């Protein structure tokens, strides 16, 4: 939690990020939830025709892990990967899978 200071200047001066040495945001936004409650609703994907499909964190973790494994197997590392998809479940899978590998996902 951000500590409250008397001025914005003091807040800026004293602010420090506390990031663990080994941190992966893909774990925090997907896998941690899937470990705790894999059936929990993660995404409701609504297509242009109005069809809605619900996806759980367990399904999201499995799909993003498959993509992360493919990226790793192909030897893609330390690079930026563009995701050229409309908003959808697959787009979320792509972004999460890419960041799990340590690459940078570009929308």
N, C-alpha and C. Protein backbone atom coordinates (compact mmCIF):
# COMPACT_ATOMS: atom_id res chain seq x y z
N UNK A 1 0.84 -1.17 0.00
CA UNK A 1 0.00 0.00 0.00
C UNK A 1 0.89 1.23 0.00
N UNK A 2 0.51 2.23 -0.76
CA UNK A 2 1.27 3.46 -0.85
C UNK A 2 1.12 4.25 0.44
N UNK A 3 2.26 4.59 1.03
CA UNK A 3 2.25 5.37 2.27
C UNK A 3 1.82 6.80 1.96
N UNK A 4 1.05 7.40 2.85
CA UNK A 4 0.54 8.75 2.65
C UNK A 4 1.55 9.77 3.19
N UNK A 5 1.91 10.72 2.33
CA UNK A 5 2.81 11.80 2.72
C UNK A 5 2.07 13.12 2.57
N UNK A 6 2.66 14.19 3.11
CA UNK A 6 1.96 15.48 3.15
C UNK A 6 1.92 16.20 1.80
N UNK A 7 2.86 15.89 0.91
CA UNK A 7 2.87 16.57 -0.39
C UNK A 7 3.12 15.54 -1.50
N UNK A 8 2.72 15.91 -2.71
CA UNK A 8 2.98 15.03 -3.86
C UNK A 8 4.48 14.92 -4.11
N UNK A 9 5.22 16.00 -3.87
CA UNK A 9 6.67 15.98 -4.05
C UNK A 9 7.34 14.97 -3.12
N UNK A 10 6.90 14.96 -1.86
CA UNK A 10 7.45 14.01 -0.90
C UNK A 10 7.06 12.58 -1.30
N UNK A 11 5.84 12.40 -1.76
CA UNK A 11 5.38 11.08 -2.20
C UNK A 11 6.26 10.59 -3.34
N UNK A 12 6.50 11.43 -4.33
CA UNK A 12 7.35 11.05 -5.47
C UNK A 12 8.77 10.71 -5.02
N UNK A 13 9.31 11.54 -4.14
CA UNK A 13 10.68 11.36 -3.68
C UNK A 13 10.87 10.04 -2.93
N UNK A 14 9.88 9.65 -2.15
CA UNK A 14 10.02 8.50 -1.28
C UNK A 14 9.43 7.21 -1.85
N UNK A 15 8.77 7.31 -2.99
CA UNK A 15 8.15 6.13 -3.59
C UNK A 15 9.21 5.17 -4.12
N UNK A 16 9.03 3.87 -3.88
CA UNK A 16 9.91 2.82 -4.40
C UNK A 16 9.05 1.63 -4.81
N UNK A 17 9.34 1.08 -5.98
CA UNK A 17 8.69 -0.15 -6.39
C UNK A 17 9.29 -1.29 -5.59
N UNK A 18 8.47 -2.21 -5.16
CA UNK A 18 8.95 -3.40 -4.47
C UNK A 18 8.61 -4.60 -5.34
N UNK A 19 9.56 -4.95 -6.23
CA UNK A 19 9.35 -6.05 -7.17
C UNK A 19 10.31 -7.17 -6.80
N UNK A 20 9.79 -8.37 -6.60
CA UNK A 20 10.67 -9.50 -6.27
C UNK A 20 11.69 -9.74 -7.38
N UNK A 21 12.79 -10.37 -7.03
CA UNK A 21 13.85 -10.65 -8.01
C UNK A 21 13.32 -11.47 -9.18
N UNK A 22 12.50 -12.45 -8.90
CA UNK A 22 11.92 -13.30 -9.94
C UNK A 22 10.42 -13.06 -9.95
N UNK A 23 9.98 -12.26 -10.90
CA UNK A 23 8.57 -11.88 -10.97
C UNK A 23 8.07 -12.03 -12.39
N UNK A 24 6.88 -12.61 -12.54
CA UNK A 24 6.27 -12.72 -13.85
C UNK A 24 4.80 -12.33 -13.71
N UNK A 25 4.43 -11.25 -14.36
CA UNK A 25 3.06 -10.76 -14.23
C UNK A 25 2.05 -11.76 -14.80
N UNK A 26 2.47 -12.60 -15.74
CA UNK A 26 1.58 -13.63 -16.27
C UNK A 26 1.10 -14.57 -15.16
N UNK A 27 1.98 -14.83 -14.22
CA UNK A 27 1.60 -15.66 -13.08
C UNK A 27 0.56 -14.93 -12.23
N UNK A 28 0.79 -13.64 -11.97
CA UNK A 28 -0.13 -12.89 -11.11
C UNK A 28 -1.51 -12.71 -11.73
N UNK A 29 -1.57 -12.44 -13.02
CA UNK A 29 -2.87 -12.13 -13.63
C UNK A 29 -3.65 -13.37 -14.06
N UNK A 30 -3.00 -14.52 -14.06
CA UNK A 30 -3.69 -15.73 -14.53
C UNK A 30 -3.44 -16.93 -13.62
N UNK A 31 -2.20 -17.36 -13.52
CA UNK A 31 -1.88 -18.62 -12.86
C UNK A 31 -2.21 -18.62 -11.37
N UNK A 32 -1.98 -17.50 -10.70
CA UNK A 32 -2.27 -17.45 -9.27
C UNK A 32 -3.76 -17.67 -9.02
N UNK A 33 -4.59 -17.05 -9.87
CA UNK A 33 -6.03 -17.26 -9.76
C UNK A 33 -6.39 -18.71 -10.07
N UNK A 34 -5.78 -19.27 -11.10
CA UNK A 34 -6.07 -20.65 -11.51
C UNK A 34 -5.66 -21.65 -10.43
N UNK A 35 -4.57 -21.37 -9.74
CA UNK A 35 -4.13 -22.26 -8.65
C UNK A 35 -5.14 -22.24 -7.51
N UNK A 36 -5.68 -21.08 -7.22
CA UNK A 36 -6.61 -20.92 -6.10
C UNK A 36 -8.01 -21.44 -6.44
N UNK A 37 -8.50 -21.11 -7.64
CA UNK A 37 -9.87 -21.46 -8.02
C UNK A 37 -9.95 -21.60 -9.54
N UNK A 38 -9.52 -22.76 -10.09
CA UNK A 38 -9.44 -22.92 -11.55
C UNK A 38 -10.77 -22.75 -12.27
N UNK A 39 -11.88 -22.98 -11.60
CA UNK A 39 -13.18 -22.84 -12.24
C UNK A 39 -13.73 -21.43 -12.23
N UNK A 40 -13.02 -20.51 -11.58
CA UNK A 40 -13.49 -19.13 -11.47
C UNK A 40 -13.53 -18.47 -12.85
N UNK A 41 -14.59 -17.71 -13.09
CA UNK A 41 -14.76 -17.03 -14.36
C UNK A 41 -13.65 -15.99 -14.57
N UNK A 42 -12.98 -16.08 -15.70
CA UNK A 42 -11.91 -15.14 -16.04
C UNK A 42 -12.34 -14.18 -17.14
N UNK A 43 -12.96 -14.71 -18.19
CA UNK A 43 -13.30 -13.90 -19.36
C UNK A 43 -14.66 -14.33 -19.91
N UNK A 44 -15.46 -13.34 -20.26
CA UNK A 44 -16.68 -13.59 -21.04
C UNK A 44 -16.39 -13.01 -22.41
N UNK A 45 -16.28 -13.88 -23.39
CA UNK A 45 -15.95 -13.48 -24.76
C UNK A 45 -17.26 -13.34 -25.54
N UNK A 46 -17.56 -12.12 -25.98
CA UNK A 46 -18.79 -11.87 -26.73
C UNK A 46 -18.41 -11.56 -28.18
N UNK A 47 -18.90 -12.37 -29.10
CA UNK A 47 -18.60 -12.18 -30.52
C UNK A 47 -19.50 -11.10 -31.11
N UNK A 48 -19.17 -10.60 -32.31
CA UNK A 48 -20.01 -9.57 -32.93
C UNK A 48 -21.48 -9.95 -33.10
N UNK A 49 -21.76 -11.26 -33.23
CA UNK A 49 -23.16 -11.68 -33.37
C UNK A 49 -23.87 -11.81 -32.02
N UNK A 50 -23.17 -11.51 -30.92
CA UNK A 50 -23.78 -11.54 -29.60
C UNK A 50 -23.63 -12.84 -28.84
N UNK A 51 -22.97 -13.83 -29.43
CA UNK A 51 -22.75 -15.09 -28.75
C UNK A 51 -21.71 -14.89 -27.64
N UNK A 52 -22.05 -15.34 -26.44
CA UNK A 52 -21.14 -15.18 -25.30
C UNK A 52 -20.60 -16.55 -24.88
N UNK A 53 -19.29 -16.60 -24.66
CA UNK A 53 -18.65 -17.82 -24.17
C UNK A 53 -17.85 -17.46 -22.92
N UNK A 54 -18.06 -18.25 -21.87
CA UNK A 54 -17.34 -18.02 -20.62
C UNK A 54 -16.11 -18.91 -20.56
N UNK A 55 -15.01 -18.32 -20.06
CA UNK A 55 -13.75 -19.06 -19.93
C UNK A 55 -13.24 -18.90 -18.50
N UNK A 56 -12.84 -20.00 -17.90
CA UNK A 56 -12.35 -19.99 -16.52
C UNK A 56 -10.84 -19.69 -16.49
N UNK A 57 -10.35 -19.41 -15.29
CA UNK A 57 -8.91 -19.19 -15.13
C UNK A 57 -8.13 -20.46 -15.43
N UNK A 58 -8.70 -21.63 -15.13
CA UNK A 58 -8.03 -22.88 -15.45
C UNK A 58 -7.84 -23.05 -16.94
N UNK A 59 -8.87 -22.74 -17.71
CA UNK A 59 -8.80 -22.82 -19.17
C UNK A 59 -7.82 -21.77 -19.71
N UNK A 60 -7.87 -20.57 -19.15
CA UNK A 60 -6.96 -19.50 -19.57
C UNK A 60 -5.51 -19.88 -19.30
N UNK A 61 -5.26 -20.46 -18.13
CA UNK A 61 -3.89 -20.90 -17.80
C UNK A 61 -3.42 -21.97 -18.76
N UNK A 62 -4.25 -22.97 -19.02
CA UNK A 62 -3.85 -24.06 -19.92
C UNK A 62 -3.55 -23.54 -21.32
N UNK A 63 -4.40 -22.66 -21.84
CA UNK A 63 -4.20 -22.13 -23.19
C UNK A 63 -2.97 -21.24 -23.26
N UNK A 64 -2.78 -20.37 -22.27
CA UNK A 64 -1.61 -19.49 -22.30
C UNK A 64 -0.32 -20.28 -22.09
N UNK A 65 -0.38 -21.36 -21.31
CA UNK A 65 0.80 -22.21 -21.14
C UNK A 65 1.17 -22.92 -22.44
N UNK A 66 0.15 -23.36 -23.19
CA UNK A 66 0.44 -24.01 -24.48
C UNK A 66 1.17 -23.05 -25.41
N UNK A 67 0.69 -21.79 -25.46
CA UNK A 67 1.37 -20.81 -26.31
C UNK A 67 2.76 -20.50 -25.79
N UNK A 68 2.91 -20.34 -24.48
CA UNK A 68 4.22 -20.07 -23.90
C UNK A 68 5.20 -21.21 -24.21
N UNK A 69 4.72 -22.44 -24.13
CA UNK A 69 5.58 -23.59 -24.45
C UNK A 69 6.00 -23.57 -25.92
N UNK A 70 5.08 -23.22 -26.81
CA UNK A 70 5.41 -23.13 -28.23
C UNK A 70 6.47 -22.05 -28.48
N UNK A 71 6.27 -20.89 -27.88
CA UNK A 71 7.23 -19.79 -28.04
C UNK A 71 8.61 -20.22 -27.55
N UNK A 72 8.64 -20.88 -26.41
CA UNK A 72 9.92 -21.35 -25.84
C UNK A 72 10.55 -22.41 -26.73
N UNK A 73 9.75 -23.36 -27.19
CA UNK A 73 10.26 -24.43 -28.07
C UNK A 73 10.85 -23.87 -29.36
N UNK A 74 10.24 -22.82 -29.87
CA UNK A 74 10.73 -22.19 -31.10
C UNK A 74 11.96 -21.31 -30.86
N UNK A 75 12.36 -21.16 -29.61
CA UNK A 75 13.57 -20.39 -29.28
C UNK A 75 13.38 -18.88 -29.38
N UNK A 76 12.15 -18.43 -29.30
CA UNK A 76 11.88 -16.99 -29.36
C UNK A 76 12.09 -16.42 -27.97
N UNK A 77 13.05 -15.50 -27.85
CA UNK A 77 13.38 -14.95 -26.53
C UNK A 77 13.88 -13.51 -26.66
N UNK A 78 13.65 -12.76 -25.60
CA UNK A 78 14.17 -11.39 -25.49
C UNK A 78 13.77 -10.52 -26.67
N UNK A 79 12.50 -10.56 -27.01
CA UNK A 79 12.04 -9.78 -28.15
C UNK A 79 10.62 -9.27 -27.91
N UNK A 80 10.16 -8.49 -28.85
CA UNK A 80 8.79 -7.99 -28.83
C UNK A 80 7.98 -8.81 -29.83
N UNK A 81 6.76 -9.16 -29.42
CA UNK A 81 5.88 -9.94 -30.28
C UNK A 81 4.56 -9.19 -30.41
N UNK A 82 4.18 -8.87 -31.63
CA UNK A 82 2.94 -8.13 -31.87
C UNK A 82 1.76 -9.09 -31.93
N UNK A 83 0.66 -8.66 -31.33
CA UNK A 83 -0.58 -9.43 -31.35
C UNK A 83 -1.58 -8.62 -32.16
N UNK A 84 -1.91 -9.12 -33.34
CA UNK A 84 -2.81 -8.42 -34.24
C UNK A 84 -4.15 -9.13 -34.30
N UNK A 85 -4.89 -9.04 -33.22
CA UNK A 85 -6.19 -9.70 -33.10
C UNK A 85 -7.19 -8.72 -32.50
N UNK A 86 -8.47 -8.89 -32.83
CA UNK A 86 -9.49 -8.08 -32.14
C UNK A 86 -9.64 -8.59 -30.70
N UNK A 87 -10.30 -7.83 -29.86
CA UNK A 87 -10.49 -8.27 -28.47
C UNK A 87 -11.26 -9.59 -28.46
N UNK A 88 -10.65 -10.59 -27.82
CA UNK A 88 -11.25 -11.92 -27.75
C UNK A 88 -10.50 -12.73 -26.71
N UNK A 89 -11.00 -13.91 -26.44
CA UNK A 89 -10.31 -14.83 -25.53
C UNK A 89 -8.91 -15.14 -26.05
N UNK A 90 -8.81 -15.38 -27.35
CA UNK A 90 -7.51 -15.71 -27.95
C UNK A 90 -6.51 -14.57 -27.80
N UNK A 91 -6.98 -13.34 -27.83
CA UNK A 91 -6.10 -12.19 -27.64
C UNK A 91 -5.52 -12.19 -26.24
N UNK A 92 -6.36 -12.45 -25.24
CA UNK A 92 -5.88 -12.54 -23.86
C UNK A 92 -4.87 -13.67 -23.72
N UNK A 93 -5.18 -14.82 -24.32
CA UNK A 93 -4.25 -15.96 -24.29
C UNK A 93 -2.91 -15.55 -24.89
N UNK A 94 -2.93 -14.86 -26.01
CA UNK A 94 -1.69 -14.45 -26.66
C UNK A 94 -0.87 -13.53 -25.78
N UNK A 95 -1.49 -12.49 -25.23
CA UNK A 95 -0.75 -11.55 -24.39
C UNK A 95 -0.17 -12.25 -23.16
N UNK A 96 -0.97 -13.06 -22.50
CA UNK A 96 -0.51 -13.74 -21.28
C UNK A 96 0.58 -14.76 -21.62
N UNK A 97 0.37 -15.54 -22.67
CA UNK A 97 1.38 -16.53 -23.07
C UNK A 97 2.72 -15.88 -23.41
N UNK A 98 2.66 -14.76 -24.09
CA UNK A 98 3.90 -14.05 -24.47
C UNK A 98 4.62 -13.54 -23.23
N UNK A 99 3.90 -12.90 -22.32
CA UNK A 99 4.61 -12.35 -21.16
C UNK A 99 5.09 -13.44 -20.21
N UNK A 100 4.45 -14.60 -20.22
CA UNK A 100 4.95 -15.70 -19.40
C UNK A 100 6.35 -16.13 -19.84
N UNK A 101 6.67 -15.92 -21.11
CA UNK A 101 7.98 -16.32 -21.63
C UNK A 101 9.06 -15.25 -21.41
N UNK A 102 8.66 -14.10 -20.87
CA UNK A 102 9.62 -13.02 -20.66
C UNK A 102 9.76 -12.11 -21.85
N UNK A 103 9.00 -12.36 -22.90
CA UNK A 103 8.99 -11.48 -24.05
C UNK A 103 8.03 -10.32 -23.78
N UNK A 104 8.03 -9.34 -24.67
CA UNK A 104 7.14 -8.18 -24.55
C UNK A 104 6.01 -8.32 -25.56
N UNK A 105 4.79 -8.24 -25.07
CA UNK A 105 3.61 -8.34 -25.93
C UNK A 105 3.17 -6.96 -26.37
N UNK A 106 3.05 -6.78 -27.68
CA UNK A 106 2.62 -5.50 -28.24
C UNK A 106 1.21 -5.62 -28.81
N UNK A 107 0.27 -4.78 -28.32
CA UNK A 107 -1.08 -4.84 -28.87
C UNK A 107 -1.14 -4.22 -30.25
